[in-house]
Amino acid sequence: MLTGKQKRYLRAAANRLRPIATLGKNGLSDQFVDGVAKALEVHELVKLSLLQTAEETPAAVGAFISRTLPGAQVVQTMGRTVLVYRRAGLEEHRKLSVEVAKLGK
Protein backbone atom coordinates (compact mmCIF):
# COMPACT_ATOMS: atom_id res chain seq x y z
CA MET A 1 0.00 0.00 0.00
CA LEU A 2 1.32 3.43 -0.92
CA THR A 3 1.62 6.16 1.68
CA GLY A 4 0.51 9.74 1.12
CA LYS A 5 4.09 10.90 0.48
CA GLN A 6 4.62 8.19 -2.08
CA LYS A 7 1.39 9.06 -3.89
CA ARG A 8 2.33 12.75 -3.97
CA TYR A 9 5.73 11.90 -5.44
CA LEU A 10 4.17 9.70 -8.12
CA ARG A 11 1.53 12.30 -8.99
CA ALA A 12 4.28 14.90 -9.42
CA ALA A 13 6.25 12.52 -11.64
CA ALA A 14 3.13 11.88 -13.74
CA ASN A 15 2.57 15.54 -14.58
CA ARG A 16 4.84 15.28 -17.60
CA LEU A 17 3.58 11.88 -18.75
CA ARG A 18 1.29 11.34 -21.68
CA PRO A 19 -1.29 8.55 -21.65
CA ILE A 20 0.27 5.29 -22.80
CA ALA A 21 -2.96 3.38 -23.28
CA THR A 22 -6.38 4.59 -24.32
CA LEU A 23 -9.56 2.71 -23.53
CA GLY A 24 -12.40 3.08 -25.99
CA LYS A 25 -15.63 1.36 -26.91
CA ASN A 26 -13.96 -2.08 -27.10
CA GLY A 27 -13.74 -2.13 -23.31
CA LEU A 28 -11.35 -3.96 -21.04
CA SER A 29 -9.97 -6.58 -23.39
CA ASP A 30 -7.07 -8.95 -22.79
CA GLN A 31 -5.00 -6.94 -25.28
CA PHE A 32 -5.56 -3.74 -23.29
CA VAL A 33 -4.54 -5.41 -20.01
CA ASP A 34 -1.47 -7.00 -21.66
CA GLY A 35 -0.43 -3.62 -23.03
CA VAL A 36 -0.78 -2.01 -19.61
CA ALA A 37 1.22 -4.84 -18.01
CA LYS A 38 4.06 -4.45 -20.52
CA ALA A 39 4.10 -0.68 -20.07
CA LEU A 40 4.19 -1.04 -16.29
CA GLU A 41 7.12 -3.43 -16.54
CA VAL A 42 9.16 -0.87 -18.43
CA HIS A 43 7.93 2.45 -17.02
CA GLU A 44 6.55 1.57 -13.54
CA LEU A 45 4.14 4.52 -13.76
CA VAL A 46 1.48 4.57 -16.47
CA LYS A 47 -1.24 7.04 -17.32
CA LEU A 48 -4.38 5.56 -18.86
CA SER A 49 -6.94 7.62 -20.72
CA LEU A 50 -10.61 6.77 -21.22
CA LEU A 51 -12.36 8.01 -24.31
CA GLN A 52 -15.89 9.39 -24.14
CA THR A 53 -17.10 6.24 -25.90
CA ALA A 54 -15.79 3.96 -23.16
CA GLU A 55 -18.58 2.28 -21.22
CA GLU A 56 -16.49 1.77 -18.06
CA THR A 57 -15.89 4.42 -15.44
CA PRO A 58 -12.34 5.39 -14.45
CA ALA A 59 -12.89 3.92 -10.97
CA ALA A 60 -14.02 0.61 -12.46
CA VAL A 61 -11.00 0.50 -14.77
CA GLY A 62 -8.63 1.21 -11.87
CA ALA A 63 -10.23 -1.50 -9.74
CA PHE A 64 -10.07 -3.99 -12.61
CA ILE A 65 -6.38 -3.25 -13.29
CA SER A 66 -5.59 -3.59 -9.57
CA ARG A 67 -7.34 -6.97 -9.40
CA THR A 68 -5.96 -8.31 -12.68
CA LEU A 69 -2.32 -7.25 -12.43
CA PRO A 70 -0.60 -8.35 -9.22
CA GLY A 71 1.14 -5.49 -7.45
CA ALA A 72 -0.53 -2.76 -9.51
CA GLN A 73 -1.94 0.13 -7.50
CA VAL A 74 -4.06 3.08 -8.56
CA VAL A 75 -2.32 6.29 -7.55
CA GLN A 76 -4.93 8.73 -8.78
CA THR A 77 -8.15 8.93 -10.75
CA MET A 78 -8.80 12.36 -12.20
CA GLY A 79 -11.55 12.96 -14.72
CA ARG A 80 -11.19 10.29 -17.39
CA THR A 81 -7.55 9.56 -16.55
CA VAL A 82 -6.22 6.79 -14.31
CA LEU A 83 -2.68 6.73 -12.94
CA VAL A 84 -1.32 3.25 -12.16
CA TYR A 85 1.95 2.25 -10.46
CA ARG A 86 3.68 -1.12 -10.14
CA ARG A 87 7.27 -1.90 -9.20
CA ALA A 88 9.22 -3.28 -12.17
CA GLY A 89 10.42 -6.87 -12.04
CA LEU A 90 13.81 -6.19 -13.64
CA GLU A 91 16.46 -4.17 -11.78
CA GLU A 92 17.33 -2.15 -14.87
CA HIS A 93 13.80 -0.71 -15.09
CA ARG A 94 13.55 0.26 -11.41
CA LYS A 95 14.02 4.02 -11.31
CA LEU A 96 10.85 5.30 -9.69
CA SER A 97 10.50 2.41 -7.27
CA VAL A 98 13.86 3.24 -5.66
CA GLU A 99 12.64 6.76 -4.84
CA VAL A 100 9.22 5.51 -3.77
CA ALA A 101 10.84 3.03 -1.38
CA LYS A 102 12.90 5.82 0.20
CA LEU A 103 9.76 7.85 0.86
CA GLY A 104 8.05 4.91 2.53
CA LYS A 105 10.52 4.81 5.40
PDB file of N, CA and C in Angstrom:
ATOM      1  N   MET A   1       0.842  -1.182   0.000  1.00  0.00           N
ATOM      2  CA  MET A   1       0.000   0.000   0.000  1.00  0.00           C
ATOM      3  C   MET A   1       0.885   1.243   0.000  1.00  0.00           C
ATOM      4  N   LEU A   2       0.539   2.194  -0.812  1.00  0.00           N
ATOM      5  CA  LEU A   2       1.317   3.428  -0.918  1.00  0.00           C
ATOM      6  C   LEU A   2       0.904   4.417   0.164  1.00  0.00           C
ATOM      7  N   THR A   3       1.900   5.123   0.700  1.00  0.00           N
ATOM      8  CA  THR A   3       1.621   6.165   1.676  1.00  0.00           C
ATOM      9  C   THR A   3       1.279   7.460   0.958  1.00  0.00           C
ATOM     10  N   GLY A   4       0.858   8.452   1.705  1.00  0.00           N
ATOM     11  CA  GLY A   4       0.513   9.744   1.118  1.00  0.00           C
ATOM     12  C   GLY A   4       1.712  10.413   0.449  1.00  0.00           C
ATOM     13  N   LYS A   5       2.884  10.316   1.067  1.00  0.00           N
ATOM     14  CA  LYS A   5       4.091  10.903   0.480  1.00  0.00           C
ATOM     15  C   LYS A   5       4.440  10.233  -0.841  1.00  0.00           C
ATOM     16  N   GLN A   6       4.319   8.926  -0.857  1.00  0.00           N
ATOM     17  CA  GLN A   6       4.624   8.191  -2.078  1.00  0.00           C
ATOM     18  C   GLN A   6       3.663   8.558  -3.201  1.00  0.00           C
ATOM     19  N   LYS A   7       2.383   8.679  -2.882  1.00  0.00           N
ATOM     20  CA  LYS A   7       1.392   9.064  -3.894  1.00  0.00           C
ATOM     21  C   LYS A   7       1.658  10.467  -4.414  1.00  0.00           C
ATOM     22  N   ARG A   8       2.019  11.384  -3.537  1.00  0.00           N
ATOM     23  CA  ARG A   8       2.334  12.753  -3.975  1.00  0.00           C
ATOM     24  C   ARG A   8       3.520  12.754  -4.916  1.00  0.00           C
ATOM     25  N   TYR A   9       4.550  11.987  -4.582  1.00  0.00           N
ATOM     26  CA  TYR A   9       5.732  11.897  -5.436  1.00  0.00           C
ATOM     27  C   TYR A   9       5.360  11.352  -6.818  1.00  0.00           C
ATOM     28  N   LEU A  10       4.557  10.295  -6.844  1.00  0.00           N
ATOM     29  CA  LEU A  10       4.168   9.695  -8.122  1.00  0.00           C
ATOM     30  C   LEU A  10       3.275  10.620  -8.937  1.00  0.00           C
ATOM     31  N   ARG A  11       2.374  11.342  -8.268  1.00  0.00           N
ATOM     32  CA  ARG A  11       1.527  12.299  -8.994  1.00  0.00           C
ATOM     33  C   ARG A  11       2.369  13.407  -9.607  1.00  0.00           C
ATOM     34  N   ALA A  12       3.393  13.870  -8.879  1.00  0.00           N
ATOM     35  CA  ALA A  12       4.281  14.903  -9.417  1.00  0.00           C
ATOM     36  C   ALA A  12       5.062  14.367 -10.614  1.00  0.00           C
ATOM     37  N   ALA A  13       5.510  13.126 -10.526  1.00  0.00           N
ATOM     38  CA  ALA A  13       6.247  12.521 -11.639  1.00  0.00           C
ATOM     39  C   ALA A  13       5.348  12.321 -12.858  1.00  0.00           C
ATOM     40  N   ALA A  14       4.063  12.140 -12.640  1.00  0.00           N
ATOM     41  CA  ALA A  14       3.128  11.879 -13.738  1.00  0.00           C
ATOM     42  C   ALA A  14       2.691  13.141 -14.463  1.00  0.00           C
ATOM     43  N   ASN A  15       2.995  14.303 -13.932  1.00  0.00           N
ATOM     44  CA  ASN A  15       2.573  15.544 -14.581  1.00  0.00           C
ATOM     45  C   ASN A  15       3.073  15.648 -16.009  1.00  0.00           C
ATOM     46  N   ARG A  16       4.247  15.164 -16.264  1.00  0.00           N
ATOM     47  CA  ARG A  16       4.839  15.285 -17.597  1.00  0.00           C
ATOM     48  C   ARG A  16       4.557  14.081 -18.492  1.00  0.00           C
ATOM     49  N   LEU A  17       3.888  13.083 -17.967  1.00  0.00           N
ATOM     50  CA  LEU A  17       3.580  11.875 -18.745  1.00  0.00           C
ATOM     51  C   LEU A  17       2.387  12.082 -19.671  1.00  0.00           C
ATOM     52  N   ARG A  18       2.429  11.386 -20.777  1.00  0.00           N
ATOM     53  CA  ARG A  18       1.286  11.338 -21.680  1.00  0.00           C
ATOM     54  C   ARG A  18       0.641   9.963 -21.517  1.00  0.00           C
ATOM     55  N   PRO A  19      -0.641   9.862 -21.768  1.00  0.00           N
ATOM     56  CA  PRO A  19      -1.291   8.547 -21.645  1.00  0.00           C
ATOM     57  C   PRO A  19      -0.665   7.515 -22.577  1.00  0.00           C
ATOM     58  N   ILE A  20      -0.336   6.367 -22.019  1.00  0.00           N
ATOM     59  CA  ILE A  20       0.273   5.293 -22.801  1.00  0.00           C
ATOM     60  C   ILE A  20      -0.799   4.430 -23.452  1.00  0.00           C
ATOM     61  N   ALA A  21      -1.882   4.210 -22.750  1.00  0.00           N
ATOM     62  CA  ALA A  21      -2.957   3.375 -23.277  1.00  0.00           C
ATOM     63  C   ALA A  21      -4.263   4.156 -23.230  1.00  0.00           C
ATOM     64  N   THR A  22      -5.085   3.926 -24.241  1.00  0.00           N
ATOM     65  CA  THR A  22      -6.380   4.589 -24.322  1.00  0.00           C
ATOM     66  C   THR A  22      -7.468   3.525 -24.408  1.00  0.00           C
ATOM     67  N   LEU A  23      -8.452   3.656 -23.556  1.00  0.00           N
ATOM     68  CA  LEU A  23      -9.562   2.707 -23.526  1.00  0.00           C
ATOM     69  C   LEU A  23     -10.750   3.324 -24.251  1.00  0.00           C
ATOM     70  N   GLY A  24     -11.271   2.588 -25.207  1.00  0.00           N
ATOM     71  CA  GLY A  24     -12.402   3.081 -25.985  1.00  0.00           C
ATOM     72  C   GLY A  24     -13.617   2.187 -25.864  1.00  0.00           C
ATOM     73  N   LYS A  25     -14.377   2.107 -26.947  1.00  0.00           N
ATOM     74  CA  LYS A  25     -15.631   1.361 -26.914  1.00  0.00           C
ATOM     75  C   LYS A  25     -15.434  -0.145 -26.864  1.00  0.00           C
ATOM     76  N   ASN A  26     -14.224  -0.637 -27.149  1.00  0.00           N
ATOM     77  CA  ASN A  26     -13.959  -2.076 -27.100  1.00  0.00           C
ATOM     78  C   ASN A  26     -13.890  -2.601 -25.675  1.00  0.00           C
ATOM     79  N   GLY A  27     -13.720  -1.726 -24.718  1.00  0.00           N
ATOM     80  CA  GLY A  27     -13.742  -2.128 -23.311  1.00  0.00           C
ATOM     81  C   GLY A  27     -12.433  -2.721 -22.827  1.00  0.00           C
ATOM     82  N   LEU A  28     -12.518  -3.379 -21.692  1.00  0.00           N
ATOM     83  CA  LEU A  28     -11.350  -3.957 -21.042  1.00  0.00           C
ATOM     84  C   LEU A  28     -11.039  -5.331 -21.637  1.00  0.00           C
ATOM     85  N   SER A  29     -10.314  -5.332 -22.720  1.00  0.00           N
ATOM     86  CA  SER A  29      -9.966  -6.579 -23.392  1.00  0.00           C
ATOM     87  C   SER A  29      -8.646  -7.114 -22.838  1.00  0.00           C
ATOM     88  N   ASP A  30      -8.334  -8.351 -23.200  1.00  0.00           N
ATOM     89  CA  ASP A  30      -7.069  -8.946 -22.793  1.00  0.00           C
ATOM     90  C   ASP A  30      -5.893  -8.194 -23.398  1.00  0.00           C
ATOM     91  N   GLN A  31      -6.071  -7.694 -24.610  1.00  0.00           N
ATOM     92  CA  GLN A  31      -5.004  -6.943 -25.275  1.00  0.00           C
ATOM     93  C   GLN A  31      -4.710  -5.649 -24.527  1.00  0.00           C
ATOM     94  N   PHE A  32      -5.749  -4.975 -24.048  1.00  0.00           N
ATOM     95  CA  PHE A  32      -5.562  -3.738 -23.293  1.00  0.00           C
ATOM     96  C   PHE A  32      -4.795  -4.022 -21.999  1.00  0.00           C
ATOM     97  N   VAL A  33      -5.195  -5.070 -21.281  1.00  0.00           N
ATOM     98  CA  VAL A  33      -4.541  -5.411 -20.015  1.00  0.00           C
ATOM     99  C   VAL A  33      -3.091  -5.838 -20.255  1.00  0.00           C
ATOM    100  N   ASP A  34      -2.839  -6.600 -21.325  1.00  0.00           N
ATOM    101  CA  ASP A  34      -1.473  -7.004 -21.656  1.00  0.00           C
ATOM    102  C   ASP A  34      -0.603  -5.796 -21.981  1.00  0.00           C
ATOM    103  N   GLY A  35      -1.164  -4.842 -22.706  1.00  0.00           N
ATOM    104  CA  GLY A  35      -0.430  -3.623 -23.026  1.00  0.00           C
ATOM    105  C   GLY A  35      -0.082  -2.817 -21.782  1.00  0.00           C
ATOM    106  N   VAL A  36      -1.027  -2.730 -20.863  1.00  0.00           N
ATOM    107  CA  VAL A  36      -0.781  -2.013 -19.608  1.00  0.00           C
ATOM    108  C   VAL A  36       0.285  -2.736 -18.796  1.00  0.00           C
ATOM    109  N   ALA A  37       0.235  -4.058 -18.753  1.00  0.00           N
ATOM    110  CA  ALA A  37       1.221  -4.841 -18.007  1.00  0.00           C
ATOM    111  C   ALA A  37       2.625  -4.649 -18.573  1.00  0.00           C
ATOM    112  N   LYS A  38       2.752  -4.657 -19.889  1.00  0.00           N
ATOM    113  CA  LYS A  38       4.058  -4.452 -20.523  1.00  0.00           C
ATOM    114  C   LYS A  38       4.572  -3.036 -20.266  1.00  0.00           C
ATOM    115  N   ALA A  39       3.686  -2.064 -20.330  1.00  0.00           N
ATOM    116  CA  ALA A  39       4.098  -0.681 -20.075  1.00  0.00           C
ATOM    117  C   ALA A  39       4.522  -0.495 -18.618  1.00  0.00           C
ATOM    118  N   LEU A  40       3.818  -1.132 -17.699  1.00  0.00           N
ATOM    119  CA  LEU A  40       4.190  -1.038 -16.287  1.00  0.00           C
ATOM    120  C   LEU A  40       5.537  -1.693 -16.023  1.00  0.00           C
ATOM    121  N   GLU A  41       5.841  -2.756 -16.738  1.00  0.00           N
ATOM    122  CA  GLU A  41       7.120  -3.434 -16.541  1.00  0.00           C
ATOM    123  C   GLU A  41       8.286  -2.539 -16.937  1.00  0.00           C
ATOM    124  N   VAL A  42       8.087  -1.730 -17.949  1.00  0.00           N
ATOM    125  CA  VAL A  42       9.162  -0.868 -18.425  1.00  0.00           C
ATOM    126  C   VAL A  42       9.169   0.488 -17.716  1.00  0.00           C
ATOM    127  N   HIS A  43       8.004   1.082 -17.520  1.00  0.00           N
ATOM    128  CA  HIS A  43       7.927   2.453 -17.021  1.00  0.00           C
ATOM    129  C   HIS A  43       7.593   2.576 -15.534  1.00  0.00           C
ATOM    130  N   GLU A  44       6.991   1.597 -14.938  1.00  0.00           N
ATOM    131  CA  GLU A  44       6.548   1.572 -13.543  1.00  0.00           C
ATOM    132  C   GLU A  44       5.359   2.484 -13.251  1.00  0.00           C
ATOM    133  N   LEU A  45       5.228   3.578 -13.950  1.00  0.00           N
ATOM    134  CA  LEU A  45       4.137   4.524 -13.756  1.00  0.00           C
ATOM    135  C   LEU A  45       3.476   4.767 -15.106  1.00  0.00           C
ATOM    136  N   VAL A  46       2.181   4.495 -15.201  1.00  0.00           N
ATOM    137  CA  VAL A  46       1.476   4.571 -16.470  1.00  0.00           C
ATOM    138  C   VAL A  46       0.217   5.399 -16.306  1.00  0.00           C
ATOM    139  N   LYS A  47      -0.013   6.249 -17.288  1.00  0.00           N
ATOM    140  CA  LYS A  47      -1.237   7.043 -17.325  1.00  0.00           C
ATOM    141  C   LYS A  47      -2.157   6.440 -18.377  1.00  0.00           C
ATOM    142  N   LEU A  48      -3.383   6.132 -17.963  1.00  0.00           N
ATOM    143  CA  LEU A  48      -4.384   5.559 -18.858  1.00  0.00           C
ATOM    144  C   LEU A  48      -5.469   6.584 -19.115  1.00  0.00           C
ATOM    145  N   SER A  49      -5.910   6.669 -20.341  1.00  0.00           N
ATOM    146  CA  SER A  49      -6.944   7.623 -20.716  1.00  0.00           C
ATOM    147  C   SER A  49      -8.178   6.872 -21.181  1.00  0.00           C
ATOM    148  N   LEU A  50      -9.342   7.357 -20.783  1.00  0.00           N
ATOM    149  CA  LEU A  50     -10.608   6.766 -21.215  1.00  0.00           C
ATOM    150  C   LEU A  50     -11.294   7.722 -22.189  1.00  0.00           C
ATOM    151  N   LEU A  51     -11.645   7.204 -23.342  1.00  0.00           N
ATOM    152  CA  LEU A  51     -12.356   8.015 -24.315  1.00  0.00           C
ATOM    153  C   LEU A  51     -13.804   8.192 -23.869  1.00  0.00           C
ATOM    154  N   GLN A  52     -14.481   9.146 -24.471  1.00  0.00           N
ATOM    155  CA  GLN A  52     -15.888   9.388 -24.140  1.00  0.00           C
ATOM    156  C   GLN A  52     -16.764   8.197 -24.503  1.00  0.00           C
ATOM    157  N   THR A  53     -16.310   7.393 -25.473  1.00  0.00           N
ATOM    158  CA  THR A  53     -17.100   6.244 -25.905  1.00  0.00           C
ATOM    159  C   THR A  53     -16.936   5.025 -24.993  1.00  0.00           C
ATOM    160  N   ALA A  54     -16.020   5.092 -24.063  1.00  0.00           N
ATOM    161  CA  ALA A  54     -15.794   3.957 -23.160  1.00  0.00           C
ATOM    162  C   ALA A  54     -16.991   3.789 -22.223  1.00  0.00           C
ATOM    163  N   GLU A  55     -17.419   2.561 -22.068  1.00  0.00           N
ATOM    164  CA  GLU A  55     -18.582   2.282 -21.223  1.00  0.00           C
ATOM    165  C   GLU A  55     -18.202   2.214 -19.745  1.00  0.00           C
ATOM    166  N   GLU A  56     -16.948   1.899 -19.447  1.00  0.00           N
ATOM    167  CA  GLU A  56     -16.491   1.769 -18.063  1.00  0.00           C
ATOM    168  C   GLU A  56     -16.178   3.132 -17.461  1.00  0.00           C
ATOM    169  N   THR A  57     -16.286   3.212 -16.149  1.00  0.00           N
ATOM    170  CA  THR A  57     -15.894   4.422 -15.439  1.00  0.00           C
ATOM    171  C   THR A  57     -14.417   4.315 -15.077  1.00  0.00           C
ATOM    172  N   PRO A  58     -13.755   5.444 -14.850  1.00  0.00           N
ATOM    173  CA  PRO A  58     -12.340   5.389 -14.452  1.00  0.00           C
ATOM    174  C   PRO A  58     -12.119   4.589 -13.167  1.00  0.00           C
ATOM    175  N   ALA A  59     -13.026   4.684 -12.213  1.00  0.00           N
ATOM    176  CA  ALA A  59     -12.888   3.923 -10.973  1.00  0.00           C
ATOM    177  C   ALA A  59     -12.983   2.424 -11.241  1.00  0.00           C
ATOM    178  N   ALA A  60     -13.873   2.016 -12.121  1.00  0.00           N
ATOM    179  CA  ALA A  60     -14.015   0.606 -12.463  1.00  0.00           C
ATOM    180  C   ALA A  60     -12.773   0.088 -13.189  1.00  0.00           C
ATOM    181  N   VAL A  61     -12.210   0.899 -14.058  1.00  0.00           N
ATOM    182  CA  VAL A  61     -10.998   0.504 -14.774  1.00  0.00           C
ATOM    183  C   VAL A  61      -9.843   0.345 -13.782  1.00  0.00           C
ATOM    184  N   GLY A  62      -9.695   1.297 -12.875  1.00  0.00           N
ATOM    185  CA  GLY A  62      -8.634   1.207 -11.870  1.00  0.00           C
ATOM    186  C   GLY A  62      -8.776  -0.022 -10.992  1.00  0.00           C
ATOM    187  N   ALA A  63      -9.990  -0.314 -10.564  1.00  0.00           N
ATOM    188  CA  ALA A  63     -10.233  -1.499  -9.737  1.00  0.00           C
ATOM    189  C   ALA A  63      -9.934  -2.776 -10.521  1.00  0.00           C
ATOM    190  N   PHE A  64     -10.316  -2.809 -11.788  1.00  0.00           N
ATOM    191  CA  PHE A  64     -10.072  -3.994 -12.614  1.00  0.00           C
ATOM    192  C   PHE A  64      -8.576  -4.213 -12.810  1.00  0.00           C
ATOM    193  N   ILE A  65      -7.836  -3.148 -13.101  1.00  0.00           N
ATOM    194  CA  ILE A  65      -6.383  -3.255 -13.293  1.00  0.00           C
ATOM    195  C   ILE A  65      -5.723  -3.724 -11.996  1.00  0.00           C
ATOM    196  N   SER A  66      -6.155  -3.194 -10.860  1.00  0.00           N
ATOM    197  CA  SER A  66      -5.587  -3.590  -9.568  1.00  0.00           C
ATOM    198  C   SER A  66      -5.832  -5.067  -9.272  1.00  0.00           C
ATOM    199  N   ARG A  67      -7.018  -5.552  -9.628  1.00  0.00           N
ATOM    200  CA  ARG A  67      -7.337  -6.965  -9.398  1.00  0.00           C
ATOM    201  C   ARG A  67      -6.608  -7.883 -10.375  1.00  0.00           C
ATOM    202  N   THR A  68      -6.497  -7.457 -11.625  1.00  0.00           N
ATOM    203  CA  THR A  68      -5.958  -8.308 -12.682  1.00  0.00           C
ATOM    204  C   THR A  68      -4.438  -8.396 -12.650  1.00  0.00           C
ATOM    205  N   LEU A  69      -3.779  -7.273 -12.419  1.00  0.00           N
ATOM    206  CA  LEU A  69      -2.319  -7.245 -12.431  1.00  0.00           C
ATOM    207  C   LEU A  69      -1.789  -7.246 -11.001  1.00  0.00           C
ATOM    208  N   PRO A  70      -1.108  -8.300 -10.597  1.00  0.00           N
ATOM    209  CA  PRO A  70      -0.604  -8.353  -9.223  1.00  0.00           C
ATOM    210  C   PRO A  70       0.408  -7.248  -8.948  1.00  0.00           C
ATOM    211  N   GLY A  71       0.226  -6.560  -7.845  1.00  0.00           N
ATOM    212  CA  GLY A  71       1.136  -5.493  -7.450  1.00  0.00           C
ATOM    213  C   GLY A  71       0.788  -4.127  -8.002  1.00  0.00           C
ATOM    214  N   ALA A  72      -0.150  -4.050  -8.923  1.00  0.00           N
ATOM    215  CA  ALA A  72      -0.534  -2.764  -9.505  1.00  0.00           C
ATOM    216  C   ALA A  72      -1.430  -2.006  -8.530  1.00  0.00           C
ATOM    217  N   GLN A  73      -1.162  -0.709  -8.397  1.00  0.00           N
ATOM    218  CA  GLN A  73      -1.937   0.133  -7.502  1.00  0.00           C
ATOM    219  C   GLN A  73      -2.351   1.405  -8.223  1.00  0.00           C
ATOM    220  N   VAL A  74      -3.576   1.834  -7.984  1.00  0.00           N
ATOM    221  CA  VAL A  74      -4.062   3.079  -8.558  1.00  0.00           C
ATOM    222  C   VAL A  74      -3.572   4.219  -7.678  1.00  0.00           C
ATOM    223  N   VAL A  75      -2.844   5.138  -8.286  1.00  0.00           N
ATOM    224  CA  VAL A  75      -2.319   6.287  -7.553  1.00  0.00           C
ATOM    225  C   VAL A  75      -3.345   7.404  -7.535  1.00  0.00           C
ATOM    226  N   GLN A  76      -3.987   7.625  -8.675  1.00  0.00           N
ATOM    227  CA  GLN A  76      -4.934   8.733  -8.780  1.00  0.00           C
ATOM    228  C   GLN A  76      -5.923   8.467  -9.907  1.00  0.00           C
ATOM    229  N   THR A  77      -7.139   8.913  -9.703  1.00  0.00           N
ATOM    230  CA  THR A  77      -8.151   8.932 -10.751  1.00  0.00           C
ATOM    231  C   THR A  77      -8.633  10.370 -10.851  1.00  0.00           C
ATOM    232  N   MET A  78      -8.421  10.964 -12.007  1.00  0.00           N
ATOM    233  CA  MET A  78      -8.804  12.356 -12.199  1.00  0.00           C
ATOM    234  C   MET A  78      -9.510  12.493 -13.538  1.00  0.00           C
ATOM    235  N   GLY A  79     -10.772  12.844 -13.483  1.00  0.00           N
ATOM    236  CA  GLY A  79     -11.550  12.964 -14.719  1.00  0.00           C
ATOM    237  C   GLY A  79     -11.641  11.611 -15.400  1.00  0.00           C
ATOM    238  N   ARG A  80     -11.175  11.545 -16.636  1.00  0.00           N
ATOM    239  CA  ARG A  80     -11.186  10.291 -17.387  1.00  0.00           C
ATOM    240  C   ARG A  80      -9.778   9.733 -17.533  1.00  0.00           C
ATOM    241  N   THR A  81      -8.931  10.015 -16.547  1.00  0.00           N
ATOM    242  CA  THR A  81      -7.548   9.565 -16.546  1.00  0.00           C
ATOM    243  C   THR A  81      -7.274   8.770 -15.274  1.00  0.00           C
ATOM    244  N   VAL A  82      -6.573   7.650 -15.436  1.00  0.00           N
ATOM    245  CA  VAL A  82      -6.222   6.788 -14.308  1.00  0.00           C
ATOM    246  C   VAL A  82      -4.703   6.655 -14.288  1.00  0.00           C
ATOM    247  N   LEU A  83      -4.120   6.844 -13.116  1.00  0.00           N
ATOM    248  CA  LEU A  83      -2.679   6.732 -12.943  1.00  0.00           C
ATOM    249  C   LEU A  83      -2.388   5.458 -12.153  1.00  0.00           C
ATOM    250  N   VAL A  84      -1.580   4.565 -12.753  1.00  0.00           N
ATOM    251  CA  VAL A  84      -1.318   3.251 -12.163  1.00  0.00           C
ATOM    252  C   VAL A  84       0.186   3.085 -11.956  1.00  0.00           C
ATOM    253  N   TYR A  85       0.548   2.497 -10.794  1.00  0.00           N
ATOM    254  CA  TYR A  85       1.949   2.251 -10.459  1.00  0.00           C
ATOM    255  C   TYR A  85       2.144   0.779 -10.109  1.00  0.00           C
ATOM    256  N   ARG A  86       3.259   0.223 -10.559  1.00  0.00           N
ATOM    257  CA  ARG A  86       3.680  -1.115 -10.144  1.00  0.00           C
ATOM    258  C   ARG A  86       5.196  -1.191 -10.250  1.00  0.00           C
ATOM    259  N   ARG A  87       5.815  -1.751  -9.227  1.00  0.00           N
ATOM    260  CA  ARG A  87       7.266  -1.903  -9.204  1.00  0.00           C
ATOM    261  C   ARG A  87       7.687  -2.849 -10.319  1.00  0.00           C
ATOM    262  N   ALA A  88       8.737  -2.473 -11.052  1.00  0.00           N
ATOM    263  CA  ALA A  88       9.223  -3.284 -12.167  1.00  0.00           C
ATOM    264  C   ALA A  88       9.903  -4.546 -11.650  1.00  0.00           C
ATOM    265  N   GLY A  89       9.809  -5.607 -12.417  1.00  0.00           N
ATOM    266  CA  GLY A  89      10.423  -6.867 -12.037  1.00  0.00           C
ATOM    267  C   GLY A  89      11.927  -6.886 -12.270  1.00  0.00           C
ATOM    268  N   LEU A  90      12.387  -6.216 -13.306  1.00  0.00           N
ATOM    269  CA  LEU A  90      13.807  -6.190 -13.635  1.00  0.00           C
ATOM    270  C   LEU A  90      14.489  -4.987 -12.976  1.00  0.00           C
ATOM    271  N   GLU A  91      15.690  -5.225 -12.460  1.00  0.00           N
ATOM    272  CA  GLU A  91      16.459  -4.169 -11.777  1.00  0.00           C
ATOM    273  C   GLU A  91      16.711  -2.971 -12.694  1.00  0.00           C
ATOM    274  N   GLU A  92      16.978  -3.227 -13.954  1.00  0.00           N
ATOM    275  CA  GLU A  92      17.333  -2.146 -14.873  1.00  0.00           C
ATOM    276  C   GLU A  92      16.189  -1.164 -15.125  1.00  0.00           C
ATOM    277  N   HIS A  93      14.960  -1.582 -14.874  1.00  0.00           N
ATOM    278  CA  HIS A  93      13.805  -0.708 -15.088  1.00  0.00           C
ATOM    279  C   HIS A  93      13.350  -0.013 -13.808  1.00  0.00           C
ATOM    280  N   ARG A  94      13.967  -0.313 -12.686  1.00  0.00           N
ATOM    281  CA  ARG A  94      13.551   0.265 -11.408  1.00  0.00           C
ATOM    282  C   ARG A  94      14.221   1.614 -11.194  1.00  0.00           C
ATOM    283  N   LYS A  95      13.537   2.655 -11.561  1.00  0.00           N
ATOM    284  CA  LYS A  95      14.018   4.016 -11.310  1.00  0.00           C
ATOM    285  C   LYS A  95      13.099   4.704 -10.308  1.00  0.00           C
ATOM    286  N   LEU A  96      11.824   4.686 -10.596  1.00  0.00           N
ATOM    287  CA  LEU A  96      10.852   5.304  -9.690  1.00  0.00           C
ATOM    288  C   LEU A  96      10.709   4.531  -8.385  1.00  0.00           C
ATOM    289  N   SER A  97      10.734   3.212  -8.458  1.00  0.00           N
ATOM    290  CA  SER A  97      10.497   2.410  -7.269  1.00  0.00           C
ATOM    291  C   SER A  97      11.569   2.611  -6.208  1.00  0.00           C
ATOM    292  N   VAL A  98      12.791   2.960  -6.617  1.00  0.00           N
ATOM    293  CA  VAL A  98      13.856   3.240  -5.656  1.00  0.00           C
ATOM    294  C   VAL A  98      13.493   4.487  -4.844  1.00  0.00           C
ATOM    295  N   GLU A  99      13.029   5.519  -5.531  1.00  0.00           N
ATOM    296  CA  GLU A  99      12.643   6.759  -4.844  1.00  0.00           C
ATOM    297  C   GLU A  99      11.382   6.551  -4.001  1.00  0.00           C
ATOM    298  N   VAL A 100      10.461   5.781  -4.501  1.00  0.00           N
ATOM    299  CA  VAL A 100       9.220   5.515  -3.771  1.00  0.00           C
ATOM    300  C   VAL A 100       9.523   4.745  -2.500  1.00  0.00           C
ATOM    301  N   ALA A 101      10.454   3.802  -2.571  1.00  0.00           N
ATOM    302  CA  ALA A 101      10.835   3.029  -1.384  1.00  0.00           C
ATOM    303  C   ALA A 101      11.487   3.923  -0.322  1.00  0.00           C
ATOM    304  N   LYS A 102      12.274   4.892  -0.748  1.00  0.00           N
ATOM    305  CA  LYS A 102      12.899   5.822   0.199  1.00  0.00           C
ATOM    306  C   LYS A 102      11.854   6.646   0.942  1.00  0.00           C
ATOM    307  N   LEU A 103      10.799   7.034   0.250  1.00  0.00           N
ATOM    308  CA  LEU A 103       9.764   7.847   0.864  1.00  0.00           C
ATOM    309  C   LEU A 103       8.900   7.058   1.819  1.00  0.00           C
ATOM    310  N   GLY A 104       8.874   5.743   1.690  1.00  0.00           N
ATOM    311  CA  GLY A 104       8.048   4.905   2.532  1.00  0.00           C
ATOM    312  C   GLY A 104       8.621   4.688   3.911  1.00  0.00           C
ATOM    313  N   LYS A 105       9.869   5.040   4.100  1.00  0.00           N
ATOM    314  CA  LYS A 105      10.516   4.807   5.398  1.00  0.00           C
ATOM    315  C   LYS A 105      10.268   5.911   6.377  1.00  0.00           C
TER     316      LYS A 105
END
